[in-house]
Amino acid sequence: MFDQLVEYIKEDRKEAAVTGIPAPTLYAISQNDTSSKYCRCPECTAIAKREGSYSGTMIDFVNAIADRVAAVYPDVKLVAEAYQFTKYVPETIRPRKNVVIRLPLLDREYGAEEIADVLRPITSPTNQAAREVTENWAAAVPGAQFFGWDYCQFRAPFRYPYDGTRKIMKNLSFWHRLGMKRVFIEQAGIDLSFRPMRDWLFFQKSVHPERDDDTLVGEFLNAYFGPATAPMRKYYELLATSTEAGDKKYYETQLGAIPYLTSEFFTQVTAWLDEAESLAQGEGNAKFLRHVQLERVPVDSALAYLWQRYSSDPAWVGKKEEVLRRYEKNKRMLINTWATTVNTWVNSGANAIDGELAALRIKTPEKFVGRNASLRLLGRDAPATSLVVDKAAADGRARALVSGKAEDHKLPLLMRIHDEATGESWDPLIFEKIPQDETYHWHQVGSGPLSGNCVLWSKVFTPIRLGWGAEPPPSNEREIWISLKFTGPTYVKGSTQPDQVLTDQVVVVVPVVKKP
């Protein structure tokens, strides 16, 4: 590794001499991303055990390279992540002066050992563990050798409105107090709420930590929304306060049950956005109108994907198509707005949104009409290894339930709903008899209290997450149905087709109340 690093440094300095651009002085030696595949040999394990953390093993390794680099390039520093299995401070070993520790703290959606609540400030009570880890590193490593990597987005199957600005401002103040010199903030997604303001506030607060947060917010909103500032300020304040409120970490809350995403929230926010649009009419206000319309994207996305939660509310009855048309118009505008910097969105974004809208508009199967059904097409996001083109499938595509093992096609086939948080499972569905017509049929997998941590599982395919269909207790009893097609001689007597189990749809539906 040392020899390869030296080659990189030589190449960079040669290029710098030609271009006149300063050569890099920071080089990252990082562990693999979101992986637990690290060395467990006796020597490495002994260091980790002695230091109380695998970060001891990591720093010992990087220090050895840093010593050799210092002898050749004394101005170069190596950057190593304190990440996942290396996030805790070692007992005694410390990085050399030419080694920088960068701390990225994930939340539990990436693994049971993660500790951050990424949508709230590090000063929030829900981030006590993350705050303590950060403070421990700051105490162990000089400020010039301690960098941050923070997350301001939450991985979800669809976008919904949440704030990141207050977290950014409060975290920057916290890091400044610790003496941290450099921070990288990751915000994956062009459709995050108030995304331009997040970036602007980060730059402003990084350079001027003494500036008042509220004053900065006001400056941006006035400049960005112009005549529509007043209603947009009301929306922003509600969203920021709602996101920060609560004492339960976001990864513990199913997406469909986030407390503030109520019918009343969407009704009020939509009214403010409507008002903002009306105030931004006229040729001279075109940019302000566009800015308002772009903020509607995460709002209408959440409405469309969580429609089963609001469809019976008088404020929204019969309005799904209106929401979808507005969502489509504004999201296409958003994609084109970012065209110069996110070219892949322009190249593939049109097809992506076409498919997304087709899935949102798909007709509820007759079997579930009137039962507040939430439907997902499983062929649409199937991995390439399990995607099957099938004209008989609901979307012309299906997912093959395979693991690649010889015993994939063997009866009985078992399916069940499993809650990854509690470790509990619903009673399984066991296929003893298989439909013999080689067509799609609906099968009820189970019925019970659906949480955001529930997955549909079988022995032969990757679990299908079902949290998008959950609602807050006590109204979270749901039935889970899956559409399956069995082909091949293992399942169908006399079949000449290959053995396959295909699925094209899954439905989360309110149970039928049986009359006494």
Foldseek 3Di string as FASTA:
>chain_A
DLVVVVVVQVVQVVVCVVPVPDGDQEAEDEDDPLDPPDDDPPVQVVQCVQFVASLSSVQVVVQVSVVVCCVPPVSHAYEYECDDRNLAGTRDDDHDPRYAYEYEFDDPVSHPPGQALQQAACPAPSNPVVVVSLLVVLVRDPQVRYEYEGENDDDDPWFAAADRQVNLLRNLLVSVVSNHQYYHYDYPDLQYAPVVLNVVSNVVCNVPVPDDSVVSVVVVLCVQQPQLSPLVVVLVVVRHVLSHDDDDRPVQAQPQASPQPAPVNLLSNVVSLVVSLVRQDDPVSVRNNLSSLSNCQNSLGLCLQNVLRCCPPPVCPPCNVVSLVSNVVSVVVSLVVCCVPCVVCVVCVVVVVVVVSCQSPQDDPPVAPPFSKRKGWALVPEPPVFWDQQCQFSVSIWGWQAAPDPCLLAPFWKKWKAQPVVRDIFDIDTPPAADQPQHKDKDWGGKDQDGQRIWIDTPGHDTHGDSSNAYDPPQRIWIKIWIWGFADCSHHPPGPDHTTIITTMMMIGRDDDDDD
